[in-house]
Amino acid sequence: MAYKITDDCIACGSCTDECPSDAIISGDDKYEINADECLDCGSCADACPNDAIVSE
């Protein structure tokens, strides 16, 4: 089960530095997680100051 970035994302970039598989990319107005590369570790969710990352 991969993680998902919700519309609460403020595109601060805190999550990208924490992702060990570089699965997080910058989208049009928020960051996005490539589900195929996500390791389901939760590091990004822990780093998000806005609680915008949830497990699917």
N, C-alpha and C. Protein backbone atom coordinates (compact mmCIF):
# COMPACT_ATOMS: atom_id res chain seq x y z
N MET A 1 0.84 -1.17 0.00
CA MET A 1 0.00 0.00 0.00
C MET A 1 0.89 1.24 0.00
N ALA A 2 0.77 2.06 -1.00
CA ALA A 2 1.59 3.26 -1.13
C ALA A 2 0.96 4.42 -0.37
N TYR A 3 1.75 5.45 -0.19
CA TYR A 3 1.25 6.68 0.43
C TYR A 3 0.77 7.63 -0.66
N LYS A 4 -0.07 8.57 -0.26
CA LYS A 4 -0.66 9.53 -1.19
C LYS A 4 -0.56 10.91 -0.57
N ILE A 5 -0.30 11.91 -1.40
CA ILE A 5 -0.25 13.29 -0.94
C ILE A 5 -1.59 13.94 -1.27
N THR A 6 -2.23 14.48 -0.26
CA THR A 6 -3.56 15.06 -0.42
C THR A 6 -3.47 16.53 -0.86
N ASP A 7 -4.63 17.12 -1.07
CA ASP A 7 -4.70 18.53 -1.47
C ASP A 7 -4.26 19.48 -0.36
N ASP A 8 -4.01 18.95 0.84
CA ASP A 8 -3.51 19.77 1.94
C ASP A 8 -2.03 20.11 1.78
N CYS A 9 -1.39 19.52 0.78
CA CYS A 9 0.03 19.77 0.51
C CYS A 9 0.26 21.24 0.19
N ILE A 10 1.28 21.82 0.84
CA ILE A 10 1.63 23.22 0.58
C ILE A 10 2.94 23.32 -0.22
N ALA A 11 3.40 22.19 -0.75
CA ALA A 11 4.59 22.11 -1.60
C ALA A 11 5.83 22.70 -0.91
N CYS A 12 6.01 22.37 0.36
CA CYS A 12 7.15 22.89 1.11
C CYS A 12 8.43 22.09 0.84
N GLY A 13 8.29 20.83 0.40
CA GLY A 13 9.44 20.01 0.07
C GLY A 13 10.01 19.21 1.23
N SER A 14 9.42 19.29 2.39
CA SER A 14 9.93 18.55 3.55
C SER A 14 9.98 17.05 3.31
N CYS A 15 9.04 16.54 2.56
CA CYS A 15 8.92 15.10 2.33
C CYS A 15 10.00 14.56 1.38
N THR A 16 10.41 15.37 0.42
CA THR A 16 11.34 14.87 -0.61
C THR A 16 12.69 14.47 -0.03
N ASP A 17 13.18 15.20 0.94
CA ASP A 17 14.47 14.87 1.55
C ASP A 17 14.41 13.60 2.37
N GLU A 18 13.25 13.22 2.85
CA GLU A 18 13.10 12.05 3.71
C GLU A 18 12.84 10.76 2.95
N CYS A 19 12.48 10.84 1.68
CA CYS A 19 12.13 9.65 0.90
C CYS A 19 13.39 8.89 0.47
N PRO A 20 13.58 7.65 0.96
CA PRO A 20 14.78 6.89 0.62
C PRO A 20 14.79 6.36 -0.81
N SER A 21 13.63 6.34 -1.47
CA SER A 21 13.57 5.80 -2.82
C SER A 21 13.33 6.89 -3.87
N ASP A 22 13.38 8.14 -3.48
CA ASP A 22 13.16 9.27 -4.39
C ASP A 22 11.86 9.12 -5.18
N ALA A 23 10.81 8.67 -4.50
CA ALA A 23 9.52 8.45 -5.15
C ALA A 23 8.65 9.69 -5.20
N ILE A 24 9.09 10.77 -4.58
CA ILE A 24 8.28 11.99 -4.51
C ILE A 24 8.78 13.00 -5.53
N ILE A 25 7.85 13.48 -6.36
CA ILE A 25 8.20 14.45 -7.40
C ILE A 25 7.29 15.67 -7.28
N SER A 26 7.74 16.76 -7.83
CA SER A 26 6.96 17.98 -7.82
C SER A 26 5.89 17.91 -8.89
N GLY A 27 4.63 18.11 -8.49
CA GLY A 27 3.53 18.12 -9.43
C GLY A 27 3.18 19.54 -9.82
N ASP A 28 2.01 19.74 -10.40
CA ASP A 28 1.59 21.06 -10.85
C ASP A 28 1.44 22.05 -9.69
N ASP A 29 0.71 21.63 -8.65
CA ASP A 29 0.49 22.53 -7.52
C ASP A 29 0.76 21.88 -6.17
N LYS A 30 1.19 20.62 -6.20
CA LYS A 30 1.55 19.90 -4.99
C LYS A 30 2.52 18.79 -5.37
N TYR A 31 3.12 18.18 -4.38
CA TYR A 31 4.01 17.06 -4.65
C TYR A 31 3.20 15.79 -4.88
N GLU A 32 3.79 14.83 -5.58
CA GLU A 32 3.12 13.57 -5.87
C GLU A 32 4.06 12.42 -5.55
N ILE A 33 3.49 11.26 -5.23
CA ILE A 33 4.27 10.06 -4.92
C ILE A 33 4.06 9.03 -6.02
N ASN A 34 5.15 8.54 -6.58
CA ASN A 34 5.09 7.47 -7.56
C ASN A 34 4.87 6.17 -6.79
N ALA A 35 3.68 5.61 -6.90
CA ALA A 35 3.30 4.42 -6.12
C ALA A 35 4.19 3.21 -6.44
N ASP A 36 4.71 3.14 -7.65
CA ASP A 36 5.56 2.01 -8.03
C ASP A 36 6.92 2.06 -7.34
N GLU A 37 7.36 3.25 -6.97
CA GLU A 37 8.66 3.42 -6.32
C GLU A 37 8.57 3.55 -4.80
N CYS A 38 7.37 3.79 -4.29
CA CYS A 38 7.17 3.99 -2.86
C CYS A 38 7.46 2.70 -2.09
N LEU A 39 8.24 2.82 -1.01
CA LEU A 39 8.61 1.67 -0.18
C LEU A 39 7.66 1.47 1.00
N ASP A 40 6.66 2.32 1.12
CA ASP A 40 5.70 2.26 2.23
C ASP A 40 6.36 2.40 3.60
N CYS A 41 7.42 3.18 3.67
CA CYS A 41 8.13 3.31 4.93
C CYS A 41 7.50 4.36 5.85
N GLY A 42 6.79 5.34 5.28
CA GLY A 42 6.14 6.37 6.08
C GLY A 42 7.02 7.54 6.46
N SER A 43 8.26 7.56 6.00
CA SER A 43 9.16 8.66 6.34
C SER A 43 8.62 10.00 5.86
N CYS A 44 8.01 10.00 4.70
CA CYS A 44 7.47 11.25 4.16
C CYS A 44 6.31 11.76 5.01
N ALA A 45 5.45 10.86 5.45
CA ALA A 45 4.30 11.25 6.27
C ALA A 45 4.77 11.82 7.60
N ASP A 46 5.80 11.22 8.17
CA ASP A 46 6.33 11.72 9.44
C ASP A 46 6.95 13.12 9.29
N ALA A 47 7.50 13.40 8.11
CA ALA A 47 8.17 14.68 7.89
C ALA A 47 7.23 15.80 7.48
N CYS A 48 6.02 15.46 7.06
CA CYS A 48 5.10 16.48 6.55
C CYS A 48 4.55 17.34 7.69
N PRO A 49 4.80 18.66 7.64
CA PRO A 49 4.31 19.53 8.71
C PRO A 49 2.81 19.80 8.63
N ASN A 50 2.20 19.44 7.51
CA ASN A 50 0.78 19.74 7.29
C ASN A 50 -0.10 18.49 7.32
N ASP A 51 0.48 17.35 7.66
CA ASP A 51 -0.24 16.07 7.68
C ASP A 51 -0.97 15.80 6.37
N ALA A 52 -0.31 16.13 5.25
CA ALA A 52 -0.92 16.00 3.93
C ALA A 52 -0.61 14.67 3.27
N ILE A 53 0.13 13.79 3.95
CA ILE A 53 0.49 12.49 3.37
C ILE A 53 -0.18 11.39 4.17
N VAL A 54 -0.95 10.57 3.45
CA VAL A 54 -1.73 9.50 4.10
C VAL A 54 -1.49 8.19 3.36
N SER A 55 -1.69 7.09 4.05
CA SER A 55 -1.58 5.79 3.39
C SER A 55 -2.88 5.50 2.65
N GLU A 56 -2.74 4.90 1.49
CA GLU A 56 -3.92 4.59 0.67
C GLU A 56 -4.54 3.30 1.10
